[in-house]
Amino acid sequence: MTQRRETQRRENGTDSDGEAQSQTSRAVVRQPTTAAGGPISHAIFRVARLHRMLAGSMLRRTGLYPGQELVMMHLWDRGEQRQSDLAKFLDSDAATITRTIQRLERAGFVRRRPDPSDARASLIEPTPASSHLRTEIDEIWQELERLTVGLLDPAQQEATLAAFEALERNLVTATAER
């Protein structure tokens, strides 16, 4: 493509085939035509996917997978929890939380014991061996936040957070109605 055509393409917001595209200063994202009726939903999908990928690569050094750090954060903040309560808090199904707890148990970060008040239930608690992980996860989440917000100023960060909170409320309502 010639320099002139490339400049026209950028100015017009089209790709080499003349298709519309969304542009930022660093990335060009093609939105499928079938997603044209849901540009915000498509953007949420893209951002969530990229955020999870970045979190996963950052967590790799700890031996954790995305989502496992949320279990640990919850246990550190609230102490031992029933496995079923962890599943509810994380909006996870029983099979997924069971696999997550098993992996954390094998790594030595949590301990499972019978609930003295209900023999059918298990209590999950963080082990002393997980305490070093807490500092690492805190640092990872601070870095993840820094990379996520980039050059957004504090007002933009506040507005973004408010928008996400409004979207979350909308989705909670819509989910409850289904």
Protein backbone atom coordinates (compact mmCIF):
# COMPACT_ATOMS: atom_id res chain seq x y z
CA MET A 1 0.00 0.00 0.00
CA THR A 2 1.36 3.42 -0.87
CA GLN A 3 2.06 6.02 1.80
CA ARG A 4 -0.75 8.20 0.44
CA ARG A 5 -3.33 5.39 0.54
CA GLU A 6 -2.22 4.47 4.08
CA THR A 7 -2.72 8.09 5.19
CA GLN A 8 -6.18 8.21 3.57
CA ARG A 9 -7.07 4.92 5.25
CA ARG A 10 -6.15 6.31 8.66
CA GLU A 11 -8.00 9.57 8.07
CA ASN A 12 -11.13 7.79 6.85
CA GLY A 13 -11.08 5.13 9.56
CA THR A 14 -11.16 2.27 7.07
CA ASP A 15 -8.93 -0.72 6.47
CA SER A 16 -7.35 -1.69 3.17
CA ASP A 17 -10.67 -3.20 2.02
CA GLY A 18 -12.59 -0.04 2.88
CA GLU A 19 -14.23 -1.65 5.97
CA ALA A 20 -14.87 0.55 9.00
CA GLN A 21 -12.68 0.02 12.03
CA SER A 22 -12.33 1.38 15.54
CA GLN A 23 -8.99 3.05 16.20
CA THR A 24 -6.99 4.09 19.22
CA SER A 25 -3.52 5.52 19.25
CA ARG A 26 -2.04 2.04 19.69
CA ALA A 27 -4.50 -0.54 18.47
CA VAL A 28 -6.84 -1.11 15.58
CA VAL A 29 -9.78 -3.30 16.46
CA ARG A 30 -12.06 -4.73 13.83
CA GLN A 31 -15.57 -5.12 15.10
CA PRO A 32 -17.50 -7.90 13.38
CA THR A 33 -20.46 -6.54 11.48
CA THR A 34 -22.73 -8.83 13.48
CA ALA A 35 -21.56 -7.05 16.67
CA ALA A 36 -22.55 -3.62 15.31
CA GLY A 37 -25.73 -3.74 17.39
CA GLY A 38 -23.71 -4.23 20.58
CA PRO A 39 -20.51 -2.18 20.46
CA ILE A 40 -20.28 -1.85 24.26
CA SER A 41 -20.85 -5.57 24.77
CA HIS A 42 -18.15 -6.29 22.19
CA ALA A 43 -15.77 -3.85 23.90
CA ILE A 44 -16.42 -5.49 27.29
CA PHE A 45 -15.66 -8.89 25.79
CA ARG A 46 -12.39 -7.64 24.28
CA VAL A 47 -11.24 -5.80 27.41
CA ALA A 48 -12.14 -8.70 29.72
CA ARG A 49 -10.28 -11.17 27.52
CA LEU A 50 -7.15 -9.01 27.36
CA HIS A 51 -7.30 -8.24 31.09
CA ARG A 52 -7.56 -11.94 31.95
CA MET A 53 -4.66 -12.77 29.61
CA LEU A 54 -2.46 -10.10 31.19
CA ALA A 55 -3.44 -11.16 34.72
CA GLY A 56 -2.66 -14.77 33.81
CA SER A 57 0.78 -13.94 32.53
CA MET A 58 1.51 -11.86 35.65
CA LEU A 59 0.20 -14.54 38.03
CA ARG A 60 2.21 -17.28 36.34
CA ARG A 61 5.25 -16.57 38.51
CA THR A 62 3.20 -17.36 41.63
CA GLY A 63 1.93 -20.65 40.25
CA LEU A 64 -1.66 -19.40 40.29
CA TYR A 65 -4.17 -19.23 37.47
CA PRO A 66 -6.61 -16.31 37.03
CA GLY A 67 -9.43 -16.61 39.52
CA GLN A 68 -7.40 -18.51 42.10
CA GLU A 69 -6.05 -15.25 43.48
CA LEU A 70 -9.65 -14.12 44.08
CA VAL A 71 -10.25 -17.21 46.23
CA MET A 72 -7.10 -16.46 48.21
CA MET A 73 -8.00 -12.76 48.62
CA HIS A 74 -11.41 -13.75 49.96
CA LEU A 75 -9.92 -16.25 52.41
CA TRP A 76 -7.27 -13.82 53.64
CA ASP A 77 -9.89 -11.14 54.22
CA ARG A 78 -12.62 -13.31 55.74
CA GLY A 79 -10.83 -16.34 57.16
CA GLU A 80 -12.06 -19.87 56.74
CA GLN A 81 -15.10 -20.33 54.55
CA ARG A 82 -17.38 -23.14 53.56
CA GLN A 83 -16.60 -24.29 50.06
CA SER A 84 -20.23 -23.67 49.07
CA ASP A 85 -19.99 -20.07 50.34
CA LEU A 86 -16.86 -19.52 48.25
CA ALA A 87 -18.73 -20.79 45.20
CA LYS A 88 -21.59 -18.35 45.87
CA PHE A 89 -19.27 -15.41 46.51
CA LEU A 90 -17.31 -16.06 43.31
CA ASP A 91 -20.47 -16.88 41.35
CA SER A 92 -18.95 -20.23 40.46
CA ASP A 93 -20.41 -23.69 40.06
CA ALA A 94 -19.56 -26.48 42.51
CA ALA A 95 -17.33 -28.39 40.08
CA THR A 96 -15.22 -25.33 39.23
CA ILE A 97 -14.71 -24.30 42.86
CA THR A 98 -13.85 -27.90 43.76
CA ARG A 99 -11.11 -28.02 41.09
CA THR A 100 -9.83 -24.60 42.17
CA ILE A 101 -9.64 -25.63 45.83
CA GLN A 102 -7.96 -28.94 44.92
CA ARG A 103 -5.27 -27.09 42.95
CA LEU A 104 -4.70 -24.60 45.77
CA GLU A 105 -4.60 -27.47 48.26
CA ARG A 106 -2.00 -29.37 46.18
CA ALA A 107 0.09 -26.18 46.01
CA GLY A 108 -0.07 -25.93 49.81
CA PHE A 109 -1.95 -22.60 49.87
CA VAL A 110 -5.21 -23.83 51.44
CA ARG A 111 -6.28 -26.56 53.80
CA ARG A 112 -9.63 -28.30 53.72
CA ARG A 113 -11.22 -29.67 56.86
CA PRO A 114 -14.67 -30.92 57.83
CA ASP A 115 -17.12 -28.32 59.11
CA PRO A 116 -17.80 -29.26 62.75
CA SER A 117 -21.36 -27.94 62.47
CA ASP A 118 -22.17 -29.82 59.23
CA ALA A 119 -20.37 -33.07 58.43
CA ARG A 120 -21.39 -32.76 54.75
CA ALA A 121 -19.57 -29.43 54.33
CA SER A 122 -15.88 -28.54 54.10
CA LEU A 123 -14.20 -25.47 55.53
CA ILE A 124 -11.40 -23.98 53.46
CA GLU A 125 -8.69 -21.91 55.14
CA PRO A 126 -5.47 -20.32 53.97
CA THR A 127 -2.31 -22.01 55.18
CA PRO A 128 0.66 -20.19 56.73
CA ALA A 129 2.53 -21.10 53.52
CA SER A 130 0.16 -18.81 51.58
CA SER A 131 1.15 -15.70 53.53
CA HIS A 132 4.11 -14.91 51.21
CA LEU A 133 1.69 -15.10 48.31
CA ARG A 134 -0.42 -12.28 49.72
CA THR A 135 2.29 -9.67 49.17
CA GLU A 136 3.01 -10.96 45.67
CA ILE A 137 -0.65 -10.86 44.68
CA ASP A 138 -1.04 -7.36 46.09
CA GLU A 139 1.92 -6.21 43.99
CA ILE A 140 0.60 -7.98 40.89
CA TRP A 141 -2.83 -6.38 41.26
CA GLN A 142 -1.30 -2.93 41.71
CA GLU A 143 0.77 -3.42 38.55
CA LEU A 144 -2.25 -4.83 36.69
CA GLU A 145 -4.24 -1.75 37.68
CA ARG A 146 -1.41 0.57 36.56
CA LEU A 147 -1.17 -1.17 33.20
CA THR A 148 -4.94 -1.25 32.77
CA VAL A 149 -5.60 2.43 33.42
CA GLY A 150 -2.49 3.56 31.55
CA LEU A 151 -2.57 7.32 31.07
CA LEU A 152 -6.13 7.85 32.31
CA ASP A 153 -6.14 10.75 34.74
CA PRO A 154 -7.87 10.32 38.14
CA ALA A 155 -11.14 11.85 36.87
CA GLN A 156 -11.19 9.46 33.90
CA GLN A 157 -10.43 6.53 36.20
CA GLU A 158 -13.31 7.55 38.48
CA ALA A 159 -15.68 7.91 35.52
CA THR A 160 -14.60 4.53 34.13
CA LEU A 161 -15.18 2.86 37.47
CA ALA A 162 -18.61 4.51 37.80
CA ALA A 163 -19.55 3.33 34.30
CA PHE A 164 -18.46 -0.24 35.06
CA GLU A 165 -20.43 -0.18 38.32
CA ALA A 166 -23.54 0.98 36.44
CA LEU A 167 -23.06 -1.75 33.83
CA GLU A 168 -22.64 -4.31 36.59
CA ARG A 169 -25.89 -3.19 38.27
CA ASN A 170 -27.69 -3.47 34.91
CA LEU A 171 -26.34 -6.98 34.38
CA VAL A 172 -27.19 -8.12 37.92
CA THR A 173 -30.77 -6.93 37.36
CA ALA A 174 -30.99 -8.57 33.94
CA THR A 175 -29.55 -11.83 35.27
CA ALA A 176 -32.02 -11.89 38.18
CA GLU A 177 -34.91 -11.39 35.78
CA ARG A 178 -33.99 -14.40 33.62
